[in-house]
Amino acid sequence: MSLSMTAGSVPGPRKDPEVAAALGRRRKRADRIVRALCVGSTLIGLAFLASILITLTYRGFTAMGPNVFTRVTAPPGSDGGLLNAIVGSLIQASLGTAIGTPIGMLVGTYLAEYARGSKFGNMVRFVSDILLSAPSILVGLFVYQILVLPFGGFSGWAGVVALAIIVIPVVVRTTEDMLTLIPNTLREAVIGLGSPKWKMIVFVCWKSAMSGIITGILLAIARVAGETAPLLFTSLGNNGWATDLTRPMASLPVAIYSMAGSPFEDWIALAWAGALLITLSVLALNILARTLLRGRK
């Protein structure tokens, strides 16, 4: 009898309705506070972004005209344009991408297909990640030391090399990630049919991951399109028409940097027009990259 009474007297977990209701109110109050902070931060960020885009669009379209695309940079008050800067940016960005893309694809392929878990592969991946997050001005200083100083002057080739170095880690990371997503069963099936590993990589893995790799290439182009600091130390800039890569070459970011700080209204207007051109180009590349990536998914 005593044992049964003792066992029956052990209190079980009590559920006080008032305590549960207070706890529920506190959780709802905390949820409202956090939600309000998140929404407020989002609205503040969108407000700043919208003000920048509205100002850029208004000032850029106001300054946009035929001279921007048909005339080279001229002295203040001469109705000059940005033709030389646009062409210089296209040449340097295209060549930099053409040089950096195959190197980045090969390195990314090595990391994904040959160096999984190896110490050397981890070291290469670590260096690539450092380059991916390093300030671009460091790349410009590096190329300045190895190409500008030894050869006695600025050149378009130095700018191309600087942009290629910036492209490489972006393509490396994208290529490795896309190849890693391919299931190993597909590789085993191809190898089981007697195909060499290099054919399996080229005709199966690369083909399956090509849309993702192209997305990474487009993102790399979007990044180098607006780089100013590395070009200031390498190709420097040129107010005249120049397509010779062995001499200083104009570029749109450097032209914007130079004109925006000038006291002349027409040059400042050209800087706004150039900034709008770069923004629209980067926006188009990002939209294209997201479209390709959505198709891949």
Protein backbone atom coordinates (compact mmCIF):
# COMPACT_ATOMS: atom_id res chain seq x y z
CA MET A 1 0.00 0.00 0.00
CA SER A 2 2.80 2.38 0.89
CA LEU A 3 4.63 1.56 -2.30
CA SER A 4 1.56 2.22 -4.41
CA MET A 5 0.88 5.47 -2.64
CA THR A 6 4.48 6.54 -3.08
CA ALA A 7 4.42 5.72 -6.77
CA GLY A 8 1.13 7.50 -7.20
CA SER A 9 2.33 10.57 -5.40
CA VAL A 10 5.21 11.24 -7.85
CA PRO A 11 4.13 14.39 -9.71
CA GLY A 12 4.14 14.23 -13.52
CA PRO A 13 4.96 17.10 -15.87
CA ARG A 14 2.49 19.90 -15.32
CA LYS A 15 1.23 22.09 -18.11
CA ASP A 16 0.20 25.45 -16.78
CA PRO A 17 -1.99 27.21 -19.37
CA GLU A 18 -0.85 30.63 -18.20
CA VAL A 19 2.85 29.73 -18.56
CA ALA A 20 2.25 28.28 -22.03
CA ALA A 21 0.33 31.36 -23.10
CA ALA A 22 3.07 33.70 -21.78
CA LEU A 23 5.71 31.68 -23.60
CA GLY A 24 3.69 31.86 -26.80
CA ARG A 25 3.28 35.63 -26.51
CA ARG A 26 7.03 36.07 -25.93
CA ARG A 27 7.88 33.98 -28.98
CA LYS A 28 5.44 35.91 -31.15
CA ARG A 29 6.85 39.21 -29.88
CA ALA A 30 10.42 38.09 -30.65
CA ASP A 31 9.29 36.92 -34.09
CA ARG A 32 7.70 40.30 -34.84
CA ILE A 33 10.85 42.16 -33.75
CA VAL A 34 13.17 40.02 -35.86
CA ARG A 35 10.82 40.22 -38.84
CA ALA A 36 10.59 44.01 -38.52
CA LEU A 37 14.40 44.29 -38.37
CA CYS A 38 14.79 42.10 -41.46
CA VAL A 39 12.14 43.98 -43.43
CA GLY A 40 13.55 47.35 -42.35
CA SER A 41 17.10 46.36 -43.34
CA THR A 42 15.84 45.12 -46.70
CA LEU A 43 13.96 48.36 -47.34
CA ILE A 44 17.01 50.45 -46.40
CA GLY A 45 19.22 48.45 -48.76
CA LEU A 46 16.68 48.67 -51.57
CA ALA A 47 16.33 52.41 -51.02
CA PHE A 48 20.09 52.96 -51.38
CA LEU A 49 20.23 50.68 -54.43
CA ALA A 50 17.24 52.37 -56.03
CA SER A 51 18.70 55.84 -55.45
CA ILE A 52 21.97 54.77 -57.07
CA LEU A 53 20.25 53.20 -60.06
CA ILE A 54 17.84 56.10 -60.54
CA THR A 55 20.66 58.65 -60.39
CA LEU A 56 22.83 56.59 -62.72
CA THR A 57 20.00 56.03 -65.19
CA TYR A 58 18.96 59.69 -65.25
CA ARG A 59 22.47 61.14 -65.52
CA GLY A 60 23.63 58.43 -67.92
CA PHE A 61 20.74 58.65 -70.36
CA THR A 62 20.92 62.44 -70.26
CA ALA A 63 24.57 62.30 -71.35
CA MET A 64 24.08 59.49 -73.86
CA GLY A 65 24.33 60.50 -77.50
CA PRO A 66 25.80 59.48 -80.86
CA ASN A 67 29.16 61.05 -79.98
CA VAL A 68 29.66 58.50 -77.20
CA PHE A 69 29.85 55.67 -79.75
CA THR A 70 31.33 57.46 -82.75
CA ARG A 71 34.09 59.75 -81.42
CA VAL A 72 37.23 59.22 -79.41
CA THR A 73 38.09 61.08 -76.24
CA ALA A 74 38.79 64.72 -77.01
CA PRO A 75 39.85 67.75 -74.93
CA PRO A 76 37.13 69.34 -72.79
CA GLY A 77 34.62 71.33 -74.83
CA SER A 78 35.32 69.42 -78.07
CA ASP A 79 32.30 67.09 -78.11
CA GLY A 80 34.40 63.97 -77.64
CA GLY A 81 33.16 60.46 -77.03
CA LEU A 82 34.16 57.09 -75.59
CA LEU A 83 34.76 55.06 -78.75
CA ASN A 84 38.43 54.41 -77.98
CA ALA A 85 37.63 53.42 -74.39
CA ILE A 86 34.82 51.09 -75.45
CA VAL A 87 36.98 49.37 -78.06
CA GLY A 88 39.93 49.14 -75.65
CA SER A 89 37.75 47.54 -72.98
CA LEU A 90 36.32 45.04 -75.47
CA ILE A 91 39.80 44.07 -76.70
CA GLN A 92 41.34 43.68 -73.26
CA ALA A 93 38.36 41.92 -71.68
CA SER A 94 37.99 39.56 -74.66
CA LEU A 95 41.66 38.60 -74.75
CA GLY A 96 41.84 38.31 -70.96
CA THR A 97 38.84 35.98 -70.99
CA ALA A 98 40.26 34.00 -73.91
CA ILE A 99 43.52 33.45 -72.02
CA GLY A 100 42.08 32.87 -68.55
CA THR A 101 39.15 30.61 -69.50
CA PRO A 102 41.05 27.54 -70.81
CA ILE A 103 43.54 27.75 -67.94
CA GLY A 104 40.72 27.97 -65.41
CA MET A 105 38.81 25.09 -67.02
CA LEU A 106 41.87 22.84 -67.02
CA VAL A 107 42.73 23.64 -63.40
CA GLY A 108 39.12 23.12 -62.31
CA THR A 109 39.02 19.82 -64.20
CA TYR A 110 42.23 18.69 -62.51
CA LEU A 111 40.85 19.51 -59.07
CA ALA A 112 37.53 17.73 -59.73
CA GLU A 113 38.75 14.67 -61.64
CA TYR A 114 42.36 13.98 -60.67
CA ALA A 115 43.19 15.66 -57.35
CA ARG A 116 40.27 14.80 -55.09
CA GLY A 117 41.56 14.50 -51.52
CA SER A 118 45.22 15.02 -52.44
CA LYS A 119 47.41 17.50 -50.59
CA PHE A 120 48.55 19.16 -53.79
CA GLY A 121 44.96 19.55 -54.94
CA ASN A 122 43.99 21.12 -51.62
CA MET A 123 46.92 23.51 -51.93
CA VAL A 124 45.91 24.53 -55.47
CA ARG A 125 42.31 24.99 -54.33
CA PHE A 126 43.47 27.14 -51.41
CA VAL A 127 45.56 29.38 -53.68
CA SER A 128 42.67 29.69 -56.13
CA ASP A 129 40.32 30.75 -53.34
CA ILE A 130 42.82 33.36 -52.19
CA LEU A 131 43.03 34.77 -55.73
CA LEU A 132 39.24 34.75 -55.95
CA SER A 133 38.89 36.97 -52.88
CA ALA A 134 42.06 39.04 -53.25
CA PRO A 135 41.71 42.77 -54.07
CA SER A 136 42.20 43.37 -57.77
CA ILE A 137 44.72 46.13 -57.09
CA LEU A 138 47.14 43.45 -55.86
CA VAL A 139 46.87 41.74 -59.23
CA GLY A 140 47.64 45.05 -60.92
CA LEU A 141 50.70 45.61 -58.74
CA PHE A 142 51.91 42.06 -59.45
CA VAL A 143 51.61 42.48 -63.22
CA TYR A 144 53.21 45.93 -62.91
CA GLN A 145 56.27 44.30 -61.34
CA ILE A 146 56.62 41.48 -63.87
CA LEU A 147 55.53 43.11 -67.15
CA VAL A 148 55.50 46.91 -66.89
CA LEU A 149 58.78 47.64 -65.11
CA PRO A 150 60.96 45.05 -66.94
CA PHE A 151 59.68 46.11 -70.39
CA GLY A 152 59.89 49.81 -69.70
CA GLY A 153 56.31 50.98 -70.10
CA PHE A 154 52.60 50.40 -69.84
CA SER A 155 50.91 48.26 -72.47
CA GLY A 156 47.65 46.67 -73.44
CA TRP A 157 49.20 43.22 -73.02
CA ALA A 158 49.88 43.95 -69.37
CA GLY A 159 46.22 44.84 -68.92
CA VAL A 160 45.19 41.63 -70.70
CA VAL A 161 47.36 39.53 -68.38
CA ALA A 162 45.94 41.28 -65.29
CA LEU A 163 42.37 40.61 -66.41
CA ALA A 164 43.24 36.99 -67.26
CA ILE A 165 44.57 36.44 -63.73
CA ILE A 166 41.26 37.74 -62.36
CA VAL A 167 39.27 35.45 -64.69
CA ILE A 168 41.15 32.26 -63.79
CA PRO A 169 39.97 31.66 -60.18
CA VAL A 170 36.35 32.39 -61.09
CA VAL A 171 36.39 29.79 -63.87
CA VAL A 172 38.32 27.34 -61.67
CA ARG A 173 35.72 27.47 -58.92
CA THR A 174 32.76 27.19 -61.31
CA THR A 175 34.28 24.34 -63.32
CA GLU A 176 35.15 22.33 -60.22
CA ASP A 177 31.70 22.84 -58.68
CA MET A 178 29.87 21.88 -61.88
CA LEU A 179 31.99 18.75 -62.43
CA THR A 180 31.53 17.72 -58.80
CA LEU A 181 27.75 17.72 -59.30
CA ILE A 182 28.00 15.02 -61.98
CA PRO A 183 27.21 11.62 -60.40
CA ASN A 184 30.06 9.12 -60.22
CA THR A 185 27.79 6.42 -61.67
CA LEU A 186 27.94 8.24 -65.01
CA ARG A 187 31.74 8.20 -64.92
CA GLU A 188 31.79 4.51 -63.97
CA ALA A 189 29.43 3.66 -66.83
CA VAL A 190 31.65 5.41 -69.38
CA ILE A 191 34.84 3.85 -68.01
CA GLY A 192 33.10 0.45 -67.96
CA LEU A 193 32.50 0.73 -71.69
CA GLY A 194 36.26 0.92 -72.20
CA SER A 195 36.57 4.64 -72.80
CA PRO A 196 39.78 6.40 -71.68
CA LYS A 197 39.43 8.83 -68.82
CA TRP A 198 40.27 11.87 -70.94
CA LYS A 199 37.46 11.02 -73.36
CA MET A 200 35.09 10.55 -70.46
CA ILE A 201 36.01 14.04 -69.19
CA VAL A 202 35.86 15.80 -72.55
CA PHE A 203 32.82 14.17 -74.14
CA VAL A 204 30.71 13.37 -71.07
CA CYS A 205 31.65 15.48 -68.04
CA TRP A 206 32.38 18.72 -69.88
CA LYS A 207 29.29 18.31 -72.03
CA SER A 208 27.09 17.72 -69.00
CA ALA A 209 28.54 20.69 -67.10
CA MET A 210 28.94 23.07 -70.04
CA SER A 211 26.01 25.35 -69.22
CA GLY A 212 27.30 25.84 -65.67
CA ILE A 213 30.84 26.46 -66.92
CA ILE A 214 29.56 29.04 -69.41
CA THR A 215 27.72 30.69 -66.54
CA GLY A 216 31.00 31.02 -64.65
CA ILE A 217 32.70 32.47 -67.72
CA LEU A 218 29.96 35.08 -68.09
CA LEU A 219 30.27 36.01 -64.43
CA ALA A 220 34.04 36.36 -64.87
CA ILE A 221 33.50 38.68 -67.84
CA ALA A 222 31.04 40.72 -65.80
CA ARG A 223 33.66 41.09 -63.07
CA VAL A 224 36.57 42.15 -65.27
CA ALA A 225 34.37 44.53 -67.28
CA GLY A 226 34.34 47.03 -64.43
CA GLU A 227 37.86 46.59 -63.05
CA THR A 228 39.76 49.86 -62.78
CA ALA A 229 42.63 49.38 -60.33
CA PRO A 230 44.56 46.65 -62.22
CA LEU A 231 44.32 48.59 -65.49
CA LEU A 232 45.68 51.76 -63.89
CA PHE A 233 48.91 49.86 -63.15
CA THR A 234 49.10 47.99 -66.45
CA SER A 235 47.50 49.51 -69.56
CA LEU A 236 47.20 52.99 -67.94
CA GLY A 237 44.89 54.53 -70.56
CA ASN A 238 45.05 56.54 -73.76
CA ASN A 239 42.92 59.48 -74.88
CA GLY A 240 43.57 58.72 -78.54
CA TRP A 241 42.65 55.86 -80.82
CA ALA A 242 44.94 52.92 -80.07
CA THR A 243 44.58 49.24 -80.87
CA ASP A 244 48.29 48.41 -80.52
CA LEU A 245 48.60 46.16 -77.47
CA THR A 246 52.27 47.03 -77.06
CA ARG A 247 51.34 50.62 -76.13
CA PRO A 248 49.09 52.13 -73.45
CA MET A 249 45.47 51.38 -74.28
CA ALA A 250 42.26 53.09 -73.23
CA SER A 251 39.56 51.31 -71.25
CA LEU A 252 36.10 52.31 -70.11
CA PRO A 253 36.67 51.97 -66.33
CA VAL A 254 39.88 54.03 -66.44
CA ALA A 255 38.18 56.66 -68.64
CA ILE A 256 35.33 56.92 -66.13
CA TYR A 257 37.80 57.24 -63.27
CA SER A 258 39.71 60.02 -65.02
CA MET A 259 36.69 61.96 -66.27
CA ALA A 260 34.63 61.76 -63.10
CA GLY A 261 37.31 63.60 -61.15
CA SER A 262 37.78 66.35 -63.73
CA PRO A 263 36.31 69.87 -63.30
CA PHE A 264 34.80 69.88 -66.81
CA GLU A 265 31.07 69.30 -67.17
CA ASP A 266 31.26 67.53 -70.54
CA TRP A 267 33.81 65.04 -69.24
CA ILE A 268 31.71 64.38 -66.14
CA ALA A 269 28.72 63.75 -68.42
CA LEU A 270 30.78 61.26 -70.43
CA ALA A 271 31.75 59.54 -67.19
CA TRP A 272 28.06 59.08 -66.33
CA ALA A 273 27.39 57.69 -69.81
CA GLY A 274 30.28 55.25 -69.49
CA ALA A 275 29.11 54.14 -66.04
CA LEU A 276 25.65 53.43 -67.45
CA LEU A 277 27.14 51.41 -70.31
CA ILE A 278 29.12 49.22 -67.91
CA THR A 279 26.11 48.78 -65.63
CA LEU A 280 23.85 47.71 -68.49
CA SER A 281 26.52 45.33 -69.82
CA VAL A 282 27.05 43.69 -66.42
CA LEU A 283 23.27 43.47 -65.92
CA ALA A 284 22.83 41.74 -69.27
CA LEU A 285 25.62 39.26 -68.54
CA ASN A 286 24.19 38.44 -65.10
CA ILE A 287 20.71 37.90 -66.54
CA LEU A 288 22.16 35.63 -69.22
CA ALA A 289 24.17 33.69 -66.63
CA ARG A 290 21.15 33.20 -64.38
CA THR A 291 19.08 32.06 -67.35
CA LEU A 292 21.66 29.44 -68.29
CA LEU A 293 22.01 28.30 -64.68
CA ARG A 294 18.23 27.96 -64.32
CA GLY A 295 18.19 25.84 -67.44
CA ARG A 296 20.94 23.67 -65.99
CA LYS A 297 18.96 23.10 -62.80
